[in-house]
C-alpha atoms as a PDB file:
ATOM      1  CA  UNK A   1      98.825 148.348  78.093  1.00  0.00           C
ATOM      2  CA  UNK A   2      97.796 146.476  81.230  1.00  0.00           C
ATOM      3  CA  UNK A   3      94.106 145.705  81.405  1.00  0.00           C
ATOM      4  CA  UNK A   4      92.189 144.722  84.506  1.00  0.00           C
ATOM      5  CA  UNK A   5      89.047 142.670  83.994  1.00  0.00           C
ATOM      6  CA  UNK A   6      85.827 143.990  85.507  1.00  0.00           C
ATOM      7  CA  UNK A   7      82.929 141.850  86.616  1.00  0.00           C
ATOM      8  CA  UNK A   8      79.883 143.278  84.930  1.00  0.00           C
ATOM      9  CA  UNK A   9      77.672 142.115  87.754  1.00  0.00           C
ATOM     10  CA  UNK A  10      79.644 143.217  90.859  1.00  0.00           C
ATOM     11  CA  UNK A  11      80.906 170.690  71.744  1.00  0.00           C
ATOM     12  CA  UNK A  12      82.327 173.213  71.941  1.00  0.00           C
ATOM     13  CA  UNK A  13      85.604 172.229  70.423  1.00  0.00           C
ATOM     14  CA  UNK A  14      88.290 171.603  72.950  1.00  0.00           C
ATOM     15  CA  UNK A  15      90.708 173.588  70.803  1.00  0.00           C
ATOM     16  CA  UNK A  16      94.087 172.728  69.427  1.00  0.00           C
ATOM     17  CA  UNK A  17      96.155 172.895  72.566  1.00  0.00           C
ATOM     18  CA  UNK A  18      94.085 170.887  74.990  1.00  0.00           C
ATOM     19  CA  UNK A  19      94.102 173.701  77.524  1.00  0.00           C
ATOM     20  CA  UNK A  20      90.584 174.678  76.616  1.00  0.00           C
ATOM     21  CA  UNK A  21      89.443 171.149  77.285  1.00  0.00           C
ATOM     22  CA  UNK A  22      90.219 171.730  80.938  1.00  0.00           C
ATOM     23  CA  UNK A  23      88.701 175.199  80.982  1.00  0.00           C
ATOM     24  CA  UNK A  24      85.298 174.141  79.679  1.00  0.00           C
ATOM     25  CA  UNK A  25      84.969 171.234  82.090  1.00  0.00           C
ATOM     26  CA  UNK A  26      84.823 173.156  85.369  1.00  0.00           C
ATOM     27  CA  UNK A  27      85.927 171.674  88.611  1.00  0.00           C
ATOM     28  CA  UNK A  28      83.867 171.620  91.811  1.00  0.00           C
ATOM     29  CA  UNK A  29      82.288 174.970  92.523  1.00  0.00           C
ATOM     30  CA  UNK A  30      83.433 174.861  96.112  1.00  0.00           C
ATOM     31  CA  UNK A  31      87.019 175.203  94.974  1.00  0.00           C
ATOM     32  CA  UNK A  32      86.354 178.735  93.722  1.00  0.00           C
ATOM     33  CA  UNK A  33      85.327 180.079  97.147  1.00  0.00           C
ATOM     34  CA  UNK A  34      87.728 182.781  98.329  1.00  0.00           C
ATOM     35  CA  UNK A  35      89.862 181.485 101.188  1.00  0.00           C
ATOM     36  CA  UNK A  36      89.713 182.986 104.645  1.00  0.00           C
ATOM     37  CA  UNK A  37      91.960 185.984 105.222  1.00  0.00           C
ATOM     38  CA  UNK A  38      91.755 187.448 101.728  1.00  0.00           C
ATOM     39  CA  UNK A  39      89.194 190.076 102.671  1.00  0.00           C
ATOM     40  CA  UNK A  40      90.406 190.390 106.252  1.00  0.00           C
ATOM     41  CA  UNK A  41      88.543 190.455 109.581  1.00  0.00           C
ATOM     42  CA  UNK A  42      85.463 188.469 110.470  1.00  0.00           C
ATOM     43  CA  UNK A  43      84.104 188.715 106.922  1.00  0.00           C
ATOM     44  CA  UNK A  44      87.104 186.791 105.634  1.00  0.00           C
ATOM     45  CA  UNK A  45      86.729 184.178 108.354  1.00  0.00           C
ATOM     46  CA  UNK A  46      83.057 183.760 107.535  1.00  0.00           C
ATOM     47  CA  UNK A  47      83.868 183.326 103.849  1.00  0.00           C
ATOM     48  CA  UNK A  48      86.481 180.770 104.768  1.00  0.00           C
ATOM     49  CA  UNK A  49      84.035 178.748 106.867  1.00  0.00           C
ATOM     50  CA  UNK A  50      81.460 178.938 104.064  1.00  0.00           C
ATOM     51  CA  UNK A  51      84.019 177.737 101.557  1.00  0.00           C
ATOM     52  CA  UNK A  52      85.055 174.838 103.773  1.00  0.00           C
ATOM     53  CA  UNK A  53      81.425 173.894 104.298  1.00  0.00           C
ATOM     54  CA  UNK A  54      80.721 174.004 100.561  1.00  0.00           C
ATOM     55  CA  UNK A  55      83.719 171.796  99.851  1.00  0.00           C
ATOM     56  CA  UNK A  56      82.738 169.295 102.530  1.00  0.00           C
ATOM     57  CA  UNK A  57      79.296 168.902 100.963  1.00  0.00           C
ATOM     58  CA  UNK A  58      80.507 168.847  97.375  1.00  0.00           C
ATOM     59  CA  UNK A  59      80.215 165.257  96.168  1.00  0.00           C
ATOM     60  CA  UNK A  60      80.705 166.089  92.491  1.00  0.00           C
ATOM     61  CA  UNK A  61      82.275 163.601  90.114  1.00  0.00           C
ATOM     62  CA  UNK A  62      82.619 163.736  86.331  1.00  0.00           C
ATOM     63  CA  UNK A  63      82.581 161.138  83.591  1.00  0.00           C
ATOM     64  CA  UNK A  64      84.233 161.829  80.236  1.00  0.00           C
ATOM     65  CA  UNK A  65      82.396 159.590  77.772  1.00  0.00           C
ATOM     66  CA  UNK A  66      84.890 159.027  74.959  1.00  0.00           C
ATOM     67  CA  UNK A  67      83.891 157.284  71.763  1.00  0.00           C
ATOM     68  CA  UNK A  68      86.441 155.086  70.011  1.00  0.00           C
ATOM     69  CA  UNK A  69      88.400 156.169  66.931  1.00  0.00           C
ATOM     70  CA  UNK A  70      87.609 155.405  63.331  1.00  0.00           C
ATOM     71  CA  UNK A  71      87.487 151.873  61.953  1.00  0.00           C
ATOM     72  CA  UNK A  72      87.323 150.605  58.386  1.00  0.00           C
ATOM     73  CA  UNK A  73      83.742 149.506  58.974  1.00  0.00           C
ATOM     74  CA  UNK A  74      82.900 153.068  60.028  1.00  0.00           C
ATOM     75  CA  UNK A  75      84.246 154.304  56.709  1.00  0.00           C
ATOM     76  CA  UNK A  76      82.310 151.649  54.804  1.00  0.00           C
ATOM     77  CA  UNK A  77      79.131 152.405  56.728  1.00  0.00           C
ATOM     78  CA  UNK A  78      78.841 148.882  58.142  1.00  0.00           C
ATOM     79  CA  UNK A  79      76.977 148.171  61.345  1.00  0.00           C
ATOM     80  CA  UNK A  80      79.668 147.044  63.786  1.00  0.00           C
ATOM     81  CA  UNK A  81      77.719 146.307  66.927  1.00  0.00           C
ATOM     82  CA  UNK A  82      79.743 143.850  68.981  1.00  0.00           C
ATOM     83  CA  UNK A  83      81.810 142.621  66.037  1.00  0.00           C
ATOM     84  CA  UNK A  84      85.400 143.096  67.188  1.00  0.00           C
ATOM     85  CA  UNK A  85      86.741 145.501  64.559  1.00  0.00           C
ATOM     86  CA  UNK A  86      90.069 147.273  65.276  1.00  0.00           C
ATOM     87  CA  UNK A  87      90.910 150.914  64.669  1.00  0.00           C
ATOM     88  CA  UNK A  88      92.224 151.825  61.231  1.00  0.00           C
ATOM     89  CA  UNK A  89      95.347 154.050  60.909  1.00  0.00           C
ATOM     90  CA  UNK A  90      93.216 157.206  60.996  1.00  0.00           C
ATOM     91  CA  UNK A  91      91.510 155.971  64.145  1.00  0.00           C
ATOM     92  CA  UNK A  92      94.861 155.348  65.814  1.00  0.00           C
ATOM     93  CA  UNK A  93      95.949 158.915  65.008  1.00  0.00           C
ATOM     94  CA  UNK A  94      92.659 160.235  66.367  1.00  0.00           C
ATOM     95  CA  UNK A  95      93.185 158.358  69.609  1.00  0.00           C
ATOM     96  CA  UNK A  96      96.714 159.709  70.021  1.00  0.00           C
ATOM     97  CA  UNK A  97      95.561 163.293  69.488  1.00  0.00           C
ATOM     98  CA  UNK A  98      92.546 163.058  71.763  1.00  0.00           C
ATOM     99  CA  UNK A  99      94.598 161.355  74.475  1.00  0.00           C
ATOM    100  CA  UNK A 100      96.920 164.349  74.632  1.00  0.00           C
ATOM    101  CA  UNK A 101      93.916 166.594  75.278  1.00  0.00           C
ATOM    102  CA  UNK A 102      92.243 164.321  77.804  1.00  0.00           C
ATOM    103  CA  UNK A 103      95.447 163.714  79.751  1.00  0.00           C
ATOM    104  CA  UNK A 104      95.385 167.414  80.677  1.00  0.00           C
ATOM    105  CA  UNK A 105      92.187 166.721  82.658  1.00  0.00           C
ATOM    106  CA  UNK A 106      94.210 164.472  84.996  1.00  0.00           C
ATOM    107  CA  UNK A 107      91.720 161.603  85.133  1.00  0.00           C
ATOM    108  CA  UNK A 108      91.859 159.339  88.147  1.00  0.00           C
ATOM    109  CA  UNK A 109      90.652 156.259  86.250  1.00  0.00           C
ATOM    110  CA  UNK A 110      90.150 154.895  82.743  1.00  0.00           C
ATOM    111  CA  UNK A 111      87.399 152.400  81.968  1.00  0.00           C
ATOM    112  CA  UNK A 112      86.885 150.772  78.584  1.00  0.00           C
ATOM    113  CA  UNK A 113      84.684 148.422  76.648  1.00  0.00           C
ATOM    114  CA  UNK A 114      86.490 145.138  76.080  1.00  0.00           C
ATOM    115  CA  UNK A 115      86.096 145.415  72.283  1.00  0.00           C
ATOM    116  CA  UNK A 116      89.337 146.075  70.397  1.00  0.00           C
ATOM    117  CA  UNK A 117      88.431 149.467  68.961  1.00  0.00           C
ATOM    118  CA  UNK A 118      87.706 150.853  72.429  1.00  0.00           C
ATOM    119  CA  UNK A 119      90.736 149.243  74.070  1.00  0.00           C
ATOM    120  CA  UNK A 120      93.000 150.566  71.305  1.00  0.00           C
ATOM    121  CA  UNK A 121      91.554 154.052  71.827  1.00  0.00           C
ATOM    122  CA  UNK A 122      92.187 153.901  75.569  1.00  0.00           C
ATOM    123  CA  UNK A 123      95.805 152.758  75.185  1.00  0.00           C
ATOM    124  CA  UNK A 124      97.441 156.144  74.398  1.00  0.00           C
ATOM    125  CA  UNK A 125      95.707 157.792  77.357  1.00  0.00           C
ATOM    126  CA  UNK A 126      96.828 154.982  79.642  1.00  0.00           C
ATOM    127  CA  UNK A 127     100.383 155.448  78.434  1.00  0.00           C
ATOM    128  CA  UNK A 128     100.328 159.214  79.026  1.00  0.00           C
ATOM    129  CA  UNK A 129      98.721 159.050  82.451  1.00  0.00           C
ATOM    130  CA  UNK A 130     100.243 155.847  83.802  1.00  0.00           C
ATOM    131  CA  UNK A 131      96.765 154.565  84.652  1.00  0.00           C
ATOM    132  CA  UNK A 132      95.647 150.989  84.151  1.00  0.00           C
ATOM    133  CA  UNK A 133      92.635 150.508  81.892  1.00  0.00           C
ATOM    134  CA  UNK A 134      89.753 148.715  83.607  1.00  0.00           C
ATOM    135  CA  UNK A 135      87.786 146.609  81.139  1.00  0.00           C
ATOM    136  CA  UNK A 136      84.001 146.387  81.479  1.00  0.00           C
ATOM    137  CA  UNK A 137      81.940 144.368  79.004  1.00  0.00           C
ATOM    138  CA  UNK A 138      78.804 146.338  79.910  1.00  0.00           C
ATOM    139  CA  UNK A 139      80.361 149.225  77.969  1.00  0.00           C
ATOM    140  CA  UNK A 140      80.123 147.275  74.704  1.00  0.00           C
ATOM    141  CA  UNK A 141      78.199 148.642  71.753  1.00  0.00           C
ATOM    142  CA  UNK A 142      74.612 147.628  71.017  1.00  0.00           C
ATOM    143  CA  UNK A 143      74.475 144.036  69.808  1.00  0.00           C
ATOM    144  CA  UNK A 144      73.224 144.312  66.227  1.00  0.00           C
ATOM    145  CA  UNK A 145      72.121 140.739  65.656  1.00  0.00           C
ATOM    146  CA  UNK A 146      71.498 140.114  61.958  1.00  0.00           C
ATOM    147  CA  UNK A 147      72.528 143.661  61.058  1.00  0.00           C
ATOM    148  CA  UNK A 148      76.179 143.308  61.994  1.00  0.00           C
ATOM    149  CA  UNK A 149      78.483 143.653  59.003  1.00  0.00           C
ATOM    150  CA  UNK A 150      75.744 145.063  56.760  1.00  0.00           C
ATOM    151  CA  UNK A 151      75.720 148.551  55.293  1.00  0.00           C
ATOM    152  CA  UNK A 152      72.821 150.896  55.933  1.00  0.00           C
ATOM    153  CA  UNK A 153      71.654 150.392  52.334  1.00  0.00           C
ATOM    154  CA  UNK A 154      71.618 146.630  52.849  1.00  0.00           C
ATOM    155  CA  UNK A 155      69.757 146.933  56.144  1.00  0.00           C
ATOM    156  CA  UNK A 156      67.106 149.180  54.592  1.00  0.00           C
ATOM    157  CA  UNK A 157      66.611 146.729  51.727  1.00  0.00           C
ATOM    158  CA  UNK A 158      66.538 143.524  53.786  1.00  0.00           C
ATOM    159  CA  UNK A 159      64.851 144.765  56.968  1.00  0.00           C
ATOM    160  CA  UNK A 160      62.728 147.816  56.075  1.00  0.00           C
ATOM    161  CA  UNK A 161      60.286 147.536  58.980  1.00  0.00           C
ATOM    162  CA  UNK A 162      62.958 146.845  61.574  1.00  0.00           C
ATOM    163  CA  UNK A 163      65.077 149.684  60.176  1.00  0.00           C
ATOM    164  CA  UNK A 164      62.193 152.146  60.485  1.00  0.00           C
ATOM    165  CA  UNK A 165      61.872 151.140  64.143  1.00  0.00           C
ATOM    166  CA  UNK A 166      65.646 150.782  64.646  1.00  0.00           C
ATOM    167  CA  UNK A 167      65.206 147.305  66.124  1.00  0.00           C
ATOM    168  CA  UNK A 168      67.915 144.920  64.852  1.00  0.00           C
ATOM    169  CA  UNK A 169      66.565 141.353  64.524  1.00  0.00           C
ATOM    170  CA  UNK A 170      68.113 139.143  67.221  1.00  0.00           C
ATOM    171  CA  UNK A 171      69.846 142.237  68.589  1.00  0.00           C
ATOM    172  CA  UNK A 172      69.393 144.576  71.542  1.00  0.00           C
ATOM    173  CA  UNK A 173      66.674 147.185  71.835  1.00  0.00           C
ATOM    174  CA  UNK A 174      67.544 150.762  72.696  1.00  0.00           C
ATOM    175  CA  UNK A 175      66.071 150.339  76.172  1.00  0.00           C
ATOM    176  CA  UNK A 176      68.238 147.311  76.909  1.00  0.00           C
ATOM    177  CA  UNK A 177      71.368 149.148  75.787  1.00  0.00           C
ATOM    178  CA  UNK A 178      70.411 152.223  77.811  1.00  0.00           C
ATOM    179  CA  UNK A 179      69.901 150.174  80.969  1.00  0.00           C
ATOM    180  CA  UNK A 180      73.142 148.243  80.533  1.00  0.00           C
ATOM    181  CA  UNK A 181      75.309 151.271  79.801  1.00  0.00           C
ATOM    182  CA  UNK A 182      73.643 153.437  82.444  1.00  0.00           C
ATOM    183  CA  UNK A 183      74.272 150.814  85.115  1.00  0.00           C
ATOM    184  CA  UNK A 184      77.933 150.679  84.135  1.00  0.00           C
ATOM    185  CA  UNK A 185      78.263 154.473  84.274  1.00  0.00           C
ATOM    186  CA  UNK A 186      76.631 154.646  87.694  1.00  0.00           C
ATOM    187  CA  UNK A 187      78.885 151.874  88.942  1.00  0.00           C
ATOM    188  CA  UNK A 188      81.965 153.708  87.679  1.00  0.00           C
ATOM    189  CA  UNK A 189      80.850 157.017  89.211  1.00  0.00           C
ATOM    190  CA  UNK A 190      80.386 155.319  92.572  1.00  0.00           C
ATOM    191  CA  UNK A 191      84.064 154.337  92.622  1.00  0.00           C
ATOM    192  CA  UNK A 192      85.270 157.941  92.286  1.00  0.00           C
ATOM    193  CA  UNK A 193      86.461 160.259  95.022  1.00  0.00           C
ATOM    194  CA  UNK A 194      84.543 163.568  95.122  1.00  0.00           C
ATOM    195  CA  UNK A 195      86.113 166.132  92.823  1.00  0.00           C
ATOM    196  CA  UNK A 196      87.675 163.593  90.454  1.00  0.00           C
ATOM    197  CA  UNK A 197      86.828 162.291  87.001  1.00  0.00           C
ATOM    198  CA  UNK A 198      87.054 159.074  85.024  1.00  0.00           C
ATOM    199  CA  UNK A 199      87.398 158.620  81.286  1.00  0.00           C
ATOM    200  CA  UNK A 200      85.014 155.991  79.926  1.00  0.00           C
ATOM    201  CA  UNK A 201      85.902 154.633  76.479  1.00  0.00           C
ATOM    202  CA  UNK A 202      82.972 153.072  74.707  1.00  0.00           C
ATOM    203  CA  UNK A 203      80.804 153.284  71.599  1.00  0.00           C
ATOM    204  CA  UNK A 204      78.407 155.742  69.999  1.00  0.00           C
ATOM    205  CA  UNK A 205      75.034 154.192  70.746  1.00  0.00           C
ATOM    206  CA  UNK A 206      76.051 152.783  74.132  1.00  0.00           C
ATOM    207  CA  UNK A 207      77.315 156.175  75.326  1.00  0.00           C
ATOM    208  CA  UNK A 208      74.406 158.193  73.924  1.00  0.00           C
ATOM    209  CA  UNK A 209      71.723 155.887  75.261  1.00  0.00           C
ATOM    210  CA  UNK A 210      73.464 155.357  78.590  1.00  0.00           C
ATOM    211  CA  UNK A 211      73.810 159.110  79.049  1.00  0.00           C
ATOM    212  CA  UNK A 212      70.166 159.713  78.152  1.00  0.00           C
ATOM    213  CA  UNK A 213      69.066 157.174  80.746  1.00  0.00           C
ATOM    214  CA  UNK A 214      71.464 158.599  83.330  1.00  0.00           C
ATOM    215  CA  UNK A 215      70.096 162.103  82.744  1.00  0.00           C
ATOM    216  CA  UNK A 216      66.559 160.828  83.322  1.00  0.00           C
ATOM    217  CA  UNK A 217      65.256 161.613  79.850  1.00  0.00           C
ATOM    218  CA  UNK A 218      62.118 159.712  78.801  1.00  0.00           C
ATOM    219  CA  UNK A 219      62.690 157.345  75.902  1.00  0.00           C
ATOM    220  CA  UNK A 220      60.764 159.525  73.443  1.00  0.00           C
ATOM    221  CA  UNK A 221      63.344 162.286  74.032  1.00  0.00           C
ATOM    222  CA  UNK A 222      66.519 160.210  73.720  1.00  0.00           C
ATOM    223  CA  UNK A 223      66.922 161.490  70.176  1.00  0.00           C
ATOM    224  CA  UNK A 224      67.601 165.038  71.405  1.00  0.00           C
ATOM    225  CA  UNK A 225      71.132 163.896  72.258  1.00  0.00           C
ATOM    226  CA  UNK A 226      72.951 163.681  68.951  1.00  0.00           C
ATOM    227  CA  UNK A 227      75.543 161.062  68.031  1.00  0.00           C
ATOM    228  CA  UNK A 228      79.246 161.289  68.790  1.00  0.00           C
ATOM    229  CA  UNK A 229      81.934 161.625  66.119  1.00  0.00           C
ATOM    230  CA  UNK A 230      84.863 159.224  66.201  1.00  0.00           C
ATOM    231  CA  UNK A 231      87.116 160.002  69.170  1.00  0.00           C
ATOM    232  CA  UNK A 232      84.864 162.817  70.404  1.00  0.00           C
ATOM    233  CA  UNK A 233      83.561 162.870  73.948  1.00  0.00           C
ATOM    234  CA  UNK A 234      80.793 164.085  76.201  1.00  0.00           C
ATOM    235  CA  UNK A 235      81.116 165.124  79.839  1.00  0.00           C
ATOM    236  CA  UNK A 236      78.558 164.290  82.500  1.00  0.00           C
ATOM    237  CA  UNK A 237      78.706 165.623  86.037  1.00  0.00           C
ATOM    238  CA  UNK A 238      77.001 164.282  89.148  1.00  0.00           C
ATOM    239  CA  UNK A 239      76.538 166.509  92.174  1.00  0.00           C
ATOM    240  CA  UNK A 240      74.253 165.876  95.116  1.00  0.00           C
ATOM    241  CA  UNK A 241      72.945 162.777  93.327  1.00  0.00           C
ATOM    242  CA  UNK A 242      71.849 164.749  90.250  1.00  0.00           C
ATOM    243  CA  UNK A 243      73.365 164.336  86.781  1.00  0.00           C
ATOM    244  CA  UNK A 244      73.775 166.999  84.116  1.00  0.00           C
ATOM    245  CA  UNK A 245      75.276 167.156  80.633  1.00  0.00           C
ATOM    246  CA  UNK A 246      78.269 169.514  80.704  1.00  0.00           C
ATOM    247  CA  UNK A 247      79.609 168.992  77.177  1.00  0.00           C
ATOM    248  CA  UNK A 248      78.625 166.973  74.140  1.00  0.00           C
ATOM    249  CA  UNK A 249      80.596 165.895  71.065  1.00  0.00           C
ATOM    250  CA  UNK A 250      83.636 167.872  72.192  1.00  0.00           C
ATOM    251  CA  UNK A 251      87.217 167.608  71.024  1.00  0.00           C
ATOM    252  CA  UNK A 252      86.715 168.036  67.299  1.00  0.00           C
ATOM    253  CA  UNK A 253      85.436 170.505  64.778  1.00  0.00           C
ATOM    254  CA  UNK A 254      82.069 169.531  63.299  1.00  0.00           C
ATOM    255  CA  UNK A 255      82.507 166.563  61.026  1.00  0.00           C
ATOM    256  CA  UNK A 256      80.432 163.698  59.591  1.00  0.00           C
ATOM    257  CA  UNK A 257      79.484 161.025  62.110  1.00  0.00           C
ATOM    258  CA  UNK A 258      80.280 157.491  60.952  1.00  0.00           C
ATOM    259  CA  UNK A 259      78.389 155.365  63.409  1.00  0.00           C
ATOM    260  CA  UNK A 260      76.054 152.459  64.057  1.00  0.00           C
ATOM    261  CA  UNK A 261      73.818 154.980  65.821  1.00  0.00           C
ATOM    262  CA  UNK A 262      71.103 156.912  64.007  1.00  0.00           C
END
C-alpha cells in the first residue's frame, strides 16, 4: 500500500451487505431536489432553479472516523497509546470486512494515523478503492506516558489518583488530544470537494475527543460520546461551517469495547 507522508503542521449497524451503510449516511440535501421539467410549466422551472441554487450553496463534506481493528494488547486490556502494536489476525479480518462496507461509500480520500494498527486497517480499503493512504501523525492515539503497556488493573494499583482523573503521568491530557485530533480533522475536511467524503483511520480516544471538540461540546460533556468498538466508525458532516454527528459506532452489532479510552 503506498503511503504519502503528511506534514502535521502544514450505530445503527450498517448491516451485512454494506448497502445500508450508504443509505444511513445521506448525501447532500440539494441532490434530492426534483429537477426542472418533472412537474411541467413554470412551477417545474422554479423548482429547477431552486434546486440549482441549493446545490451551489451546499458546501457539505463528510468524515468517516474509522477506528483500527483489534490488537493483542486490546484483548489483554493493555494501554497502547502510541506504542506501535500491529493488528492481530482477528483485527485483520475486521479490517477486510469493514473495508468492503466503506468502499461502497466511494470515499475520495483516505487518511490514517502513522501507527501500524491504523495503517494496517486502512490497507484493505486502499486496495479496494485504488486510493493512496495519506499518513498524518496528528491522528495518533493519546500518548499514555507511564501507562503504556500496563493493564487497567495495574494502572489502578500503581496510579490510583491519576487513574481517577484519567491523566496518564508523562502522557497527554484529554484537552491536548482533542485539540490535536480536531485540528487534523478540520485540515482534512478543508481538502475535500463539496459533496465528498474522506475516511479517517485513527484510534478510539483520538477520534472520540477530536469529534467532541469539532462538535463544540464543552469538556464536561465529552463523555456523552461513547467509545468506538474495534473497526467501527462514526460519521461527521460539515455544512455551512457547522458540524453534526450523523452516526456513531456504526458497522457492527453491539459488542464489548476493548480500548485505551474510558
